[in-house]
Amino acid sequence: MLHNILPKEIAKELRETGSVKPARYENVSIMFSDFKGFTNIVASIPTKKLVEELNEIFSRFDDIVESEGVEKIQTVGDGYLAACGLPREIDDHALRCVRAAKKMLDYLNKRNETSAIKWEARIGIHSGPISAGVIGKKKFAYDIVGDTLNTASRIESNGEEGRINVSAYTYDLIKDEFPSEYRGKLNAKGKGELDMYFVKEKS
């Protein structure tokens, strides 16, 4: 069952050695998403329906990120966290995250055409170094820590629904394939002013 909750390479190491050494990865892209008006949705529908909706959406997100070679890290409430470039280093980690993000938004748009509950996501992506390891002794979790994670969270929170907001670091890695519009320097809580870009919807 470990391969269902941990990356394959990490699950293999845990089975064979009984532990996993924390590792630092220099080139990783982190992708965050959450939903517009989640608090209002929670208050307006039964808990069972809410869980069913999130399970359906996040299950599809899981399929999408896997198809792009992106690693799901965790979900918390309406938040979805994924990363690319670990535990295997991948040169096109930023491109893979953007492709996954576009597919996620396309899926929600298609779903909203027939669904009574309309879900609108905002997605943020930032690239840089990160540390990762397995947390826990009985309930294992593959977790990531570092300033890149914190910055990715700020990039996401400064985004808009239906858009992919990226940092200048990520922009430099994707600009040849994904045209983006410069948003200027925006204040990010605890980070000061950061250059941000919206990936253009048509590219």
N, C-alpha and C. Protein backbone atom coordinates (compact mmCIF):
# COMPACT_ATOMS: atom_id res chain seq x y z
N MET A 1 0.82 -1.22 0.00
CA MET A 1 0.00 0.00 0.00
C MET A 1 0.85 1.27 0.00
N LEU A 2 2.14 1.13 0.34
CA LEU A 2 2.98 2.32 0.44
C LEU A 2 3.04 3.09 -0.87
N HIS A 3 3.02 2.38 -2.01
CA HIS A 3 3.14 3.06 -3.29
C HIS A 3 1.92 3.92 -3.60
N ASN A 4 0.84 3.72 -2.83
CA ASN A 4 -0.35 4.54 -3.03
C ASN A 4 -0.26 5.89 -2.32
N ILE A 5 0.64 5.99 -1.33
CA ILE A 5 0.74 7.24 -0.58
C ILE A 5 2.13 7.88 -0.68
N LEU A 6 3.09 7.15 -1.22
CA LEU A 6 4.45 7.67 -1.35
C LEU A 6 4.92 7.50 -2.79
N PRO A 7 5.84 8.36 -3.26
CA PRO A 7 6.44 8.14 -4.57
C PRO A 7 7.08 6.76 -4.64
N LYS A 8 7.08 6.14 -5.81
CA LYS A 8 7.57 4.77 -5.96
C LYS A 8 8.99 4.60 -5.42
N GLU A 9 9.87 5.54 -5.76
CA GLU A 9 11.26 5.43 -5.33
C GLU A 9 11.37 5.51 -3.81
N ILE A 10 10.55 6.37 -3.21
CA ILE A 10 10.58 6.55 -1.76
C ILE A 10 10.00 5.32 -1.06
N ALA A 11 8.90 4.79 -1.59
CA ALA A 11 8.29 3.58 -1.01
C ALA A 11 9.27 2.41 -1.06
N LYS A 12 10.01 2.29 -2.16
CA LYS A 12 10.99 1.22 -2.30
C LYS A 12 12.09 1.35 -1.25
N GLU A 13 12.59 2.56 -1.06
CA GLU A 13 13.64 2.79 -0.06
C GLU A 13 13.14 2.48 1.34
N LEU A 14 11.89 2.87 1.63
CA LEU A 14 11.33 2.63 2.96
C LEU A 14 11.17 1.13 3.23
N ARG A 15 10.70 0.39 2.21
CA ARG A 15 10.53 -1.06 2.37
C ARG A 15 11.87 -1.76 2.59
N GLU A 16 12.89 -1.32 1.84
CA GLU A 16 14.16 -2.02 1.86
C GLU A 16 15.03 -1.66 3.06
N THR A 17 14.93 -0.43 3.55
CA THR A 17 15.82 0.02 4.62
C THR A 17 15.10 0.35 5.92
N GLY A 18 13.78 0.50 5.87
CA GLY A 18 13.02 0.85 7.06
C GLY A 18 13.00 2.33 7.37
N SER A 19 13.68 3.13 6.53
CA SER A 19 13.69 4.58 6.72
C SER A 19 14.01 5.25 5.40
N VAL A 20 13.82 6.56 5.37
CA VAL A 20 14.12 7.33 4.16
C VAL A 20 14.96 8.54 4.56
N LYS A 21 16.09 8.69 3.92
CA LYS A 21 16.95 9.83 4.22
C LYS A 21 16.35 11.11 3.62
N PRO A 22 16.25 12.18 4.41
CA PRO A 22 15.80 13.46 3.84
C PRO A 22 16.75 13.88 2.72
N ALA A 23 16.21 14.54 1.72
CA ALA A 23 17.03 14.93 0.57
C ALA A 23 16.72 16.36 0.17
N ARG A 24 17.69 17.03 -0.41
CA ARG A 24 17.50 18.38 -0.93
C ARG A 24 17.55 18.31 -2.45
N TYR A 25 16.61 18.97 -3.07
CA TYR A 25 16.53 19.01 -4.54
C TYR A 25 16.65 20.48 -4.98
N GLU A 26 17.55 20.72 -5.90
CA GLU A 26 17.86 22.10 -6.27
C GLU A 26 16.90 22.70 -7.29
N ASN A 27 16.29 21.87 -8.11
CA ASN A 27 15.44 22.38 -9.19
C ASN A 27 14.08 21.70 -9.18
N VAL A 28 13.14 22.32 -8.50
CA VAL A 28 11.80 21.77 -8.32
C VAL A 28 10.78 22.87 -8.58
N SER A 29 9.64 22.50 -9.12
CA SER A 29 8.52 23.44 -9.24
C SER A 29 7.39 22.98 -8.32
N ILE A 30 6.85 23.93 -7.58
CA ILE A 30 5.77 23.67 -6.62
C ILE A 30 4.49 24.28 -7.15
N MET A 31 3.41 23.52 -7.13
CA MET A 31 2.12 23.99 -7.62
C MET A 31 1.08 23.92 -6.50
N PHE A 32 0.46 25.06 -6.23
CA PHE A 32 -0.63 25.15 -5.27
C PHE A 32 -1.92 25.50 -6.00
N SER A 33 -3.05 24.97 -5.52
CA SER A 33 -4.34 25.44 -6.01
C SER A 33 -5.34 25.48 -4.86
N ASP A 34 -6.30 26.38 -4.96
CA ASP A 34 -7.45 26.37 -4.05
C ASP A 34 -8.66 26.91 -4.80
N PHE A 35 -9.81 26.93 -4.13
CA PHE A 35 -11.05 27.28 -4.81
C PHE A 35 -11.63 28.61 -4.33
N LYS A 36 -12.14 29.38 -5.28
CA LYS A 36 -12.83 30.63 -4.97
C LYS A 36 -14.11 30.32 -4.18
N GLY A 37 -14.35 31.11 -3.13
CA GLY A 37 -15.60 31.01 -2.39
C GLY A 37 -15.80 29.70 -1.66
N PHE A 38 -14.71 29.03 -1.28
CA PHE A 38 -14.84 27.71 -0.65
C PHE A 38 -15.64 27.80 0.65
N THR A 39 -15.40 28.83 1.44
CA THR A 39 -16.13 28.98 2.71
C THR A 39 -17.63 29.06 2.49
N ASN A 40 -18.05 29.77 1.46
CA ASN A 40 -19.48 29.89 1.16
C ASN A 40 -20.05 28.56 0.67
N ILE A 41 -19.26 27.82 -0.11
CA ILE A 41 -19.72 26.52 -0.60
C ILE A 41 -19.90 25.56 0.58
N VAL A 42 -18.95 25.57 1.51
CA VAL A 42 -19.03 24.72 2.68
C VAL A 42 -20.31 24.98 3.46
N ALA A 43 -20.67 26.25 3.57
CA ALA A 43 -21.85 26.63 4.35
C ALA A 43 -23.15 26.35 3.63
N SER A 44 -23.10 26.10 2.33
CA SER A 44 -24.33 26.02 1.56
C SER A 44 -24.74 24.61 1.15
N ILE A 45 -23.86 23.61 1.35
CA ILE A 45 -24.20 22.25 0.94
C ILE A 45 -23.92 21.28 2.10
N PRO A 46 -24.60 20.13 2.12
CA PRO A 46 -24.35 19.12 3.16
C PRO A 46 -22.91 18.61 3.12
N THR A 47 -22.41 18.21 4.27
CA THR A 47 -21.03 17.72 4.37
C THR A 47 -20.78 16.55 3.42
N LYS A 48 -21.73 15.62 3.35
CA LYS A 48 -21.56 14.45 2.48
C LYS A 48 -21.37 14.88 1.03
N LYS A 49 -22.17 15.83 0.59
CA LYS A 49 -22.08 16.33 -0.78
C LYS A 49 -20.74 17.02 -1.01
N LEU A 50 -20.29 17.78 -0.02
CA LEU A 50 -19.01 18.48 -0.13
C LEU A 50 -17.87 17.49 -0.31
N VAL A 51 -17.86 16.45 0.51
CA VAL A 51 -16.80 15.45 0.43
C VAL A 51 -16.84 14.73 -0.92
N GLU A 52 -18.04 14.42 -1.39
CA GLU A 52 -18.18 13.77 -2.69
C GLU A 52 -17.62 14.65 -3.81
N GLU A 53 -17.94 15.94 -3.76
CA GLU A 53 -17.47 16.87 -4.78
C GLU A 53 -15.94 16.96 -4.77
N LEU A 54 -15.36 17.16 -3.58
CA LEU A 54 -13.91 17.28 -3.48
C LEU A 54 -13.22 15.99 -3.89
N ASN A 55 -13.79 14.85 -3.52
CA ASN A 55 -13.20 13.57 -3.88
C ASN A 55 -13.17 13.39 -5.40
N GLU A 56 -14.27 13.75 -6.04
CA GLU A 56 -14.33 13.62 -7.51
C GLU A 56 -13.32 14.54 -8.18
N ILE A 57 -13.25 15.79 -7.72
CA ILE A 57 -12.35 16.76 -8.34
C ILE A 57 -10.89 16.40 -8.07
N PHE A 58 -10.56 16.10 -6.83
CA PHE A 58 -9.17 15.81 -6.50
C PHE A 58 -8.71 14.49 -7.11
N SER A 59 -9.63 13.54 -7.28
CA SER A 59 -9.26 12.29 -7.95
C SER A 59 -8.86 12.56 -9.39
N ARG A 60 -9.60 13.47 -10.03
CA ARG A 60 -9.24 13.85 -11.41
C ARG A 60 -7.94 14.62 -11.44
N PHE A 61 -7.73 15.50 -10.46
CA PHE A 61 -6.45 16.21 -10.37
C PHE A 61 -5.30 15.21 -10.23
N ASP A 62 -5.51 14.17 -9.42
CA ASP A 62 -4.49 13.14 -9.24
C ASP A 62 -4.11 12.50 -10.58
N ASP A 63 -5.12 12.18 -11.37
CA ASP A 63 -4.87 11.56 -12.68
C ASP A 63 -4.10 12.52 -13.59
N ILE A 64 -4.46 13.80 -13.52
CA ILE A 64 -3.83 14.80 -14.39
C ILE A 64 -2.36 14.97 -14.02
N VAL A 65 -2.06 15.17 -12.75
CA VAL A 65 -0.66 15.40 -12.38
C VAL A 65 0.18 14.16 -12.65
N GLU A 66 -0.39 12.99 -12.42
CA GLU A 66 0.35 11.76 -12.71
C GLU A 66 0.68 11.65 -14.19
N SER A 67 -0.26 12.05 -15.04
CA SER A 67 -0.04 11.97 -16.48
C SER A 67 1.09 12.89 -16.94
N GLU A 68 1.36 13.94 -16.16
CA GLU A 68 2.42 14.89 -16.52
C GLU A 68 3.72 14.63 -15.75
N GLY A 69 3.74 13.57 -14.94
CA GLY A 69 4.94 13.28 -14.18
C GLY A 69 5.14 14.21 -13.00
N VAL A 70 4.04 14.79 -12.52
CA VAL A 70 4.07 15.66 -11.34
C VAL A 70 3.63 14.84 -10.13
N GLU A 71 4.25 15.09 -8.98
CA GLU A 71 3.99 14.32 -7.77
C GLU A 71 3.01 15.05 -6.85
N LYS A 72 1.85 14.43 -6.58
CA LYS A 72 0.94 14.99 -5.59
C LYS A 72 1.59 14.89 -4.22
N ILE A 73 1.55 15.98 -3.45
CA ILE A 73 2.11 15.97 -2.11
C ILE A 73 1.01 15.78 -1.06
N GLN A 74 -0.03 16.63 -1.12
CA GLN A 74 -1.11 16.50 -0.15
C GLN A 74 -2.29 17.40 -0.53
N THR A 75 -3.41 17.15 0.13
CA THR A 75 -4.55 18.06 0.07
C THR A 75 -4.89 18.46 1.50
N VAL A 76 -5.26 19.72 1.68
CA VAL A 76 -5.72 20.23 2.98
C VAL A 76 -6.94 21.11 2.70
N GLY A 77 -8.10 20.63 3.16
CA GLY A 77 -9.32 21.38 2.86
C GLY A 77 -9.51 21.46 1.36
N ASP A 78 -9.58 22.68 0.83
CA ASP A 78 -9.72 22.86 -0.61
C ASP A 78 -8.37 23.07 -1.29
N GLY A 79 -7.28 22.96 -0.53
CA GLY A 79 -5.96 23.17 -1.10
C GLY A 79 -5.36 21.91 -1.67
N TYR A 80 -4.72 22.03 -2.82
CA TYR A 80 -4.08 20.89 -3.49
C TYR A 80 -2.64 21.28 -3.76
N LEU A 81 -1.69 20.47 -3.28
CA LEU A 81 -0.27 20.75 -3.41
C LEU A 81 0.41 19.64 -4.19
N ALA A 82 1.19 20.02 -5.19
CA ALA A 82 1.93 19.05 -5.99
C ALA A 82 3.29 19.64 -6.34
N ALA A 83 4.20 18.77 -6.74
CA ALA A 83 5.55 19.21 -7.07
C ALA A 83 6.12 18.36 -8.19
N CYS A 84 7.08 18.94 -8.90
CA CYS A 84 7.76 18.20 -9.97
C CYS A 84 9.26 18.48 -9.88
N GLY A 85 10.04 17.42 -10.05
CA GLY A 85 11.49 17.53 -9.93
C GLY A 85 12.01 16.76 -8.74
N LEU A 86 11.12 16.01 -8.10
CA LEU A 86 11.47 15.13 -7.00
C LEU A 86 10.50 13.96 -6.97
N PRO A 87 10.87 12.79 -6.46
CA PRO A 87 12.21 12.44 -6.02
C PRO A 87 13.19 12.18 -7.16
N ARG A 88 12.69 12.24 -8.41
CA ARG A 88 13.58 12.16 -9.57
C ARG A 88 13.74 13.54 -10.15
N GLU A 89 14.99 13.94 -10.41
CA GLU A 89 15.22 15.25 -11.01
C GLU A 89 14.77 15.23 -12.46
N ILE A 90 14.05 16.28 -12.85
CA ILE A 90 13.50 16.38 -14.20
C ILE A 90 13.78 17.79 -14.72
N ASP A 91 14.36 17.91 -15.89
CA ASP A 91 14.73 19.22 -16.42
C ASP A 91 13.53 20.12 -16.70
N ASP A 92 12.43 19.52 -17.18
CA ASP A 92 11.28 20.33 -17.59
C ASP A 92 10.20 20.37 -16.50
N HIS A 93 10.62 20.42 -15.24
CA HIS A 93 9.66 20.39 -14.13
C HIS A 93 8.65 21.53 -14.18
N ALA A 94 9.08 22.72 -14.55
CA ALA A 94 8.15 23.86 -14.59
C ALA A 94 7.13 23.70 -15.71
N LEU A 95 7.59 23.24 -16.86
CA LEU A 95 6.69 23.03 -17.99
C LEU A 95 5.63 21.98 -17.66
N ARG A 96 6.05 20.93 -16.99
CA ARG A 96 5.10 19.87 -16.62
C ARG A 96 4.03 20.41 -15.67
N CYS A 97 4.44 21.26 -14.73
CA CYS A 97 3.47 21.83 -13.79
C CYS A 97 2.47 22.73 -14.51
N VAL A 98 2.94 23.52 -15.45
CA VAL A 98 2.03 24.40 -16.18
C VAL A 98 1.07 23.59 -17.03
N ARG A 99 1.58 22.55 -17.69
CA ARG A 99 0.69 21.70 -18.48
C ARG A 99 -0.38 21.06 -17.60
N ALA A 100 0.03 20.58 -16.43
CA ALA A 100 -0.93 19.98 -15.50
C ALA A 100 -1.95 21.02 -15.04
N ALA A 101 -1.49 22.21 -14.71
CA ALA A 101 -2.37 23.28 -14.25
C ALA A 101 -3.41 23.64 -15.31
N LYS A 102 -2.97 23.71 -16.56
CA LYS A 102 -3.90 24.01 -17.64
C LYS A 102 -4.97 22.92 -17.77
N LYS A 103 -4.55 21.68 -17.66
CA LYS A 103 -5.50 20.57 -17.74
C LYS A 103 -6.48 20.60 -16.57
N MET A 104 -6.02 20.98 -15.40
CA MET A 104 -6.89 21.08 -14.23
C MET A 104 -7.97 22.14 -14.43
N LEU A 105 -7.56 23.30 -14.95
CA LEU A 105 -8.53 24.36 -15.20
C LEU A 105 -9.50 23.98 -16.32
N ASP A 106 -8.99 23.33 -17.35
CA ASP A 106 -9.86 22.87 -18.44
C ASP A 106 -10.90 21.88 -17.93
N TYR A 107 -10.46 20.98 -17.07
CA TYR A 107 -11.37 20.00 -16.49
C TYR A 107 -12.48 20.68 -15.70
N LEU A 108 -12.11 21.66 -14.86
CA LEU A 108 -13.13 22.36 -14.07
C LEU A 108 -14.11 23.12 -14.95
N ASN A 109 -13.59 23.77 -15.99
CA ASN A 109 -14.47 24.50 -16.91
C ASN A 109 -15.47 23.56 -17.57
N LYS A 110 -14.99 22.40 -18.00
CA LYS A 110 -15.87 21.41 -18.63
C LYS A 110 -16.89 20.89 -17.63
N ARG A 111 -16.44 20.60 -16.42
CA ARG A 111 -17.32 20.08 -15.38
C ARG A 111 -18.40 21.09 -15.00
N ASN A 112 -18.02 22.36 -14.97
CA ASN A 112 -18.97 23.41 -14.59
C ASN A 112 -20.11 23.60 -15.58
N GLU A 113 -19.93 23.09 -16.78
CA GLU A 113 -20.98 23.23 -17.79
C GLU A 113 -22.24 22.46 -17.41
N THR A 114 -22.06 21.39 -16.64
CA THR A 114 -23.21 20.55 -16.28
C THR A 114 -23.40 20.40 -14.77
N SER A 115 -22.45 20.85 -13.99
CA SER A 115 -22.54 20.68 -12.54
C SER A 115 -23.32 21.82 -11.88
N ALA A 116 -24.14 21.48 -10.88
CA ALA A 116 -24.90 22.51 -10.17
C ALA A 116 -23.98 23.38 -9.33
N ILE A 117 -22.91 22.81 -8.81
CA ILE A 117 -21.94 23.56 -8.01
C ILE A 117 -20.76 23.93 -8.90
N LYS A 118 -20.50 25.22 -9.01
CA LYS A 118 -19.43 25.71 -9.88
C LYS A 118 -18.14 25.90 -9.08
N TRP A 119 -17.10 25.19 -9.47
CA TRP A 119 -15.82 25.29 -8.80
C TRP A 119 -14.85 26.07 -9.68
N GLU A 120 -14.26 27.12 -9.09
CA GLU A 120 -13.29 27.93 -9.81
C GLU A 120 -11.98 27.95 -9.02
N ALA A 121 -10.92 27.50 -9.65
CA ALA A 121 -9.64 27.38 -8.96
C ALA A 121 -8.68 28.49 -9.37
N ARG A 122 -7.84 28.86 -8.43
CA ARG A 122 -6.68 29.69 -8.75
C ARG A 122 -5.45 28.82 -8.49
N ILE A 123 -4.45 28.96 -9.35
CA ILE A 123 -3.27 28.10 -9.27
C ILE A 123 -2.01 28.96 -9.29
N GLY A 124 -1.07 28.64 -8.41
CA GLY A 124 0.21 29.34 -8.37
C GLY A 124 1.36 28.36 -8.48
N ILE A 125 2.42 28.78 -9.19
CA ILE A 125 3.59 27.92 -9.38
C ILE A 125 4.86 28.73 -9.14
N HIS A 126 5.76 28.15 -8.36
CA HIS A 126 7.07 28.77 -8.10
C HIS A 126 8.13 27.68 -8.17
N SER A 127 9.32 28.05 -8.60
CA SER A 127 10.40 27.07 -8.79
C SER A 127 11.63 27.44 -7.97
N GLY A 128 12.34 26.40 -7.50
CA GLY A 128 13.54 26.62 -6.72
C GLY A 128 13.92 25.38 -5.95
N PRO A 129 14.85 25.50 -4.98
CA PRO A 129 15.28 24.33 -4.19
C PRO A 129 14.28 23.98 -3.10
N ILE A 130 14.25 22.72 -2.72
CA ILE A 130 13.33 22.26 -1.68
C ILE A 130 13.94 21.05 -0.98
N SER A 131 13.55 20.84 0.26
CA SER A 131 13.93 19.62 0.99
C SER A 131 12.72 18.74 1.15
N ALA A 132 12.92 17.43 1.11
CA ALA A 132 11.80 16.50 1.18
C ALA A 132 12.18 15.28 2.00
N GLY A 133 11.16 14.68 2.62
CA GLY A 133 11.39 13.48 3.39
C GLY A 133 10.09 12.87 3.83
N VAL A 134 10.19 11.70 4.45
CA VAL A 134 9.01 11.00 4.94
C VAL A 134 8.78 11.37 6.40
N ILE A 135 7.55 11.79 6.71
CA ILE A 135 7.17 12.19 8.05
C ILE A 135 6.26 11.12 8.65
N GLY A 136 6.50 10.76 9.93
CA GLY A 136 5.62 9.82 10.62
C GLY A 136 6.21 8.43 10.73
N LYS A 137 5.66 7.65 11.68
CA LYS A 137 6.11 6.27 11.88
C LYS A 137 5.03 5.25 11.52
N LYS A 138 3.76 5.62 11.69
CA LYS A 138 2.66 4.70 11.37
C LYS A 138 1.86 5.20 10.17
N LYS A 139 1.54 6.48 10.17
CA LYS A 139 0.86 7.08 9.02
C LYS A 139 1.88 7.92 8.26
N PHE A 140 2.46 7.32 7.23
CA PHE A 140 3.54 7.98 6.50
C PHE A 140 3.01 9.08 5.59
N ALA A 141 3.81 10.13 5.45
CA ALA A 141 3.50 11.20 4.52
C ALA A 141 4.80 11.71 3.91
N TYR A 142 4.82 11.89 2.61
CA TYR A 142 5.96 12.48 1.93
C TYR A 142 5.76 13.98 1.93
N ASP A 143 6.62 14.70 2.61
CA ASP A 143 6.39 16.13 2.80
C ASP A 143 7.58 16.93 2.30
N ILE A 144 7.33 18.22 2.01
CA ILE A 144 8.37 19.12 1.52
C ILE A 144 8.41 20.36 2.40
N VAL A 145 9.61 20.91 2.56
CA VAL A 145 9.79 22.10 3.38
C VAL A 145 10.81 23.01 2.71
N GLY A 146 10.71 24.31 3.03
CA GLY A 146 11.68 25.26 2.50
C GLY A 146 11.03 26.53 2.01
N ASP A 147 11.86 27.52 1.74
CA ASP A 147 11.36 28.83 1.32
C ASP A 147 10.63 28.77 -0.02
N THR A 148 11.04 27.85 -0.88
CA THR A 148 10.35 27.72 -2.18
C THR A 148 8.88 27.37 -1.98
N LEU A 149 8.61 26.52 -0.99
CA LEU A 149 7.23 26.16 -0.68
C LEU A 149 6.45 27.37 -0.19
N ASN A 150 7.05 28.13 0.71
CA ASN A 150 6.39 29.31 1.24
C ASN A 150 6.10 30.34 0.15
N THR A 151 7.07 30.52 -0.74
CA THR A 151 6.87 31.48 -1.83
C THR A 151 5.79 31.00 -2.79
N ALA A 152 5.77 29.71 -3.08
CA ALA A 152 4.73 29.16 -3.96
C ALA A 152 3.35 29.43 -3.39
N SER A 153 3.21 29.31 -2.07
CA SER A 153 1.92 29.59 -1.42
C SER A 153 1.52 31.04 -1.62
N ARG A 154 2.49 31.94 -1.54
CA ARG A 154 2.19 33.38 -1.73
C ARG A 154 1.84 33.67 -3.19
N ILE A 155 2.51 33.00 -4.10
CA ILE A 155 2.19 33.18 -5.52
C ILE A 155 0.75 32.75 -5.78
N GLU A 156 0.36 31.63 -5.19
CA GLU A 156 -1.01 31.15 -5.37
C GLU A 156 -2.03 32.11 -4.77
N SER A 157 -1.77 32.61 -3.58
CA SER A 157 -2.74 33.48 -2.91
C SER A 157 -2.87 34.84 -3.58
N ASN A 158 -1.89 35.20 -4.40
CA ASN A 158 -1.96 36.45 -5.16
C ASN A 158 -2.50 36.25 -6.57
N GLY A 159 -3.02 35.06 -6.84
CA GLY A 159 -3.57 34.77 -8.16
C GLY A 159 -5.03 35.12 -8.28
N GLU A 160 -5.63 34.70 -9.38
CA GLU A 160 -7.05 34.91 -9.64
C GLU A 160 -7.66 33.60 -10.12
N GLU A 161 -8.95 33.43 -9.85
CA GLU A 161 -9.61 32.20 -10.28
C GLU A 161 -9.55 32.05 -11.79
N GLY A 162 -9.32 30.82 -12.21
CA GLY A 162 -9.25 30.53 -13.63
C GLY A 162 -7.93 30.91 -14.28
N ARG A 163 -6.95 31.34 -13.47
CA ARG A 163 -5.66 31.75 -14.03
C ARG A 163 -4.52 31.00 -13.36
N ILE A 164 -3.40 30.92 -14.05
CA ILE A 164 -2.18 30.32 -13.52
C ILE A 164 -1.20 31.45 -13.27
N ASN A 165 -0.88 31.69 -12.01
CA ASN A 165 0.03 32.75 -11.61
C ASN A 165 1.40 32.13 -11.33
N VAL A 166 2.45 32.68 -11.96
CA VAL A 166 3.79 32.11 -11.77
C VAL A 166 4.76 33.20 -11.33
N SER A 167 5.81 32.75 -10.65
CA SER A 167 6.87 33.66 -10.21
C SER A 167 7.82 33.95 -11.37
N ALA A 168 8.71 34.91 -11.15
CA ALA A 168 9.71 35.23 -12.17
C ALA A 168 10.63 34.04 -12.43
N TYR A 169 10.92 33.27 -11.38
CA TYR A 169 11.79 32.10 -11.53
C TYR A 169 11.14 31.07 -12.46
N THR A 170 9.85 30.83 -12.24
CA THR A 170 9.14 29.87 -13.09
C THR A 170 8.97 30.42 -14.50
N TYR A 171 8.67 31.71 -14.59
CA TYR A 171 8.50 32.34 -15.91
C TYR A 171 9.73 32.11 -16.79
N ASP A 172 10.91 32.26 -16.22
CA ASP A 172 12.14 32.07 -17.00
C ASP A 172 12.25 30.65 -17.56
N LEU A 173 11.64 29.70 -16.89
CA LEU A 173 11.72 28.30 -17.30
C LEU A 173 10.64 27.92 -18.32
N ILE A 174 9.57 28.71 -18.41
CA ILE A 174 8.44 28.33 -19.27
C ILE A 174 8.21 29.27 -20.44
N LYS A 175 8.89 30.42 -20.45
CA LYS A 175 8.53 31.51 -21.37
C LYS A 175 8.63 31.12 -22.84
N ASP A 176 9.51 30.18 -23.18
CA ASP A 176 9.65 29.79 -24.58
C ASP A 176 8.46 28.96 -25.07
N GLU A 177 7.77 28.29 -24.15
CA GLU A 177 6.64 27.45 -24.54
C GLU A 177 5.30 28.05 -24.16
N PHE A 178 5.27 28.81 -23.07
CA PHE A 178 4.00 29.37 -22.58
C PHE A 178 4.09 30.89 -22.46
N PRO A 179 3.58 31.63 -23.45
CA PRO A 179 3.56 33.09 -23.35
C PRO A 179 2.82 33.52 -22.08
N SER A 180 3.37 34.52 -21.41
CA SER A 180 2.78 34.98 -20.16
C SER A 180 2.78 36.50 -20.12
N GLU A 181 1.86 37.06 -19.35
CA GLU A 181 1.77 38.51 -19.22
C GLU A 181 2.29 38.95 -17.87
N TYR A 182 3.14 39.97 -17.89
CA TYR A 182 3.75 40.47 -16.66
C TYR A 182 2.72 41.26 -15.86
N ARG A 183 2.60 40.95 -14.59
CA ARG A 183 1.64 41.61 -13.72
C ARG A 183 2.26 42.73 -12.90
N GLY A 184 3.58 42.82 -12.93
CA GLY A 184 4.27 43.80 -12.11
C GLY A 184 4.73 43.20 -10.80
N LYS A 185 5.19 44.05 -9.90
CA LYS A 185 5.62 43.60 -8.58
C LYS A 185 4.42 43.68 -7.64
N LEU A 186 4.05 42.54 -7.07
CA LEU A 186 2.92 42.48 -6.15
C LEU A 186 3.41 42.12 -4.76
N ASN A 187 2.77 42.71 -3.76
CA ASN A 187 3.17 42.45 -2.39
C ASN A 187 2.73 41.05 -1.96
N ALA A 188 3.67 40.26 -1.52
CA ALA A 188 3.39 38.91 -1.04
C ALA A 188 3.69 38.87 0.46
N LYS A 189 2.71 38.49 1.25
CA LYS A 189 2.83 38.50 2.70
C LYS A 189 4.10 37.80 3.17
N GLY A 190 4.91 38.52 3.91
CA GLY A 190 6.13 37.95 4.45
C GLY A 190 7.28 37.84 3.46
N LYS A 191 7.03 38.19 2.18
CA LYS A 191 8.05 38.04 1.15
C LYS A 191 8.41 39.37 0.48
N GLY A 192 7.66 40.42 0.77
CA GLY A 192 7.88 41.68 0.09
C GLY A 192 7.26 41.68 -1.29
N GLU A 193 7.78 42.50 -2.18
CA GLU A 193 7.25 42.59 -3.54
C GLU A 193 7.92 41.56 -4.44
N LEU A 194 7.09 40.82 -5.17
CA LEU A 194 7.59 39.79 -6.07
C LEU A 194 7.06 40.02 -7.48
N ASP A 195 7.90 39.79 -8.48
CA ASP A 195 7.44 39.83 -9.87
C ASP A 195 6.56 38.62 -10.13
N MET A 196 5.39 38.86 -10.75
CA MET A 196 4.47 37.77 -11.04
C MET A 196 3.96 37.87 -12.47
N TYR A 197 3.60 36.71 -13.01
CA TYR A 197 3.11 36.61 -14.38
C TYR A 197 1.89 35.71 -14.44
N PHE A 198 0.96 36.08 -15.30
CA PHE A 198 -0.17 35.18 -15.61
C PHE A 198 0.17 34.43 -16.90
N VAL A 199 0.10 33.10 -16.87
CA VAL A 199 0.24 32.34 -18.10
C VAL A 199 -0.97 32.63 -18.97
N LYS A 200 -0.74 32.98 -20.23
CA LYS A 200 -1.85 33.31 -21.12
C LYS A 200 -2.71 32.08 -21.36
N GLU A 201 -4.01 32.28 -21.42
CA GLU A 201 -4.93 31.16 -21.54
C GLU A 201 -4.76 30.43 -22.85
N LYS A 202 -4.47 31.14 -23.91
CA LYS A 202 -4.25 30.52 -25.22
C LYS A 202 -2.77 30.63 -25.56
N SER A 203 -2.16 29.46 -25.73
CA SER A 203 -0.73 29.48 -26.07
C SER A 203 -0.38 28.24 -26.89
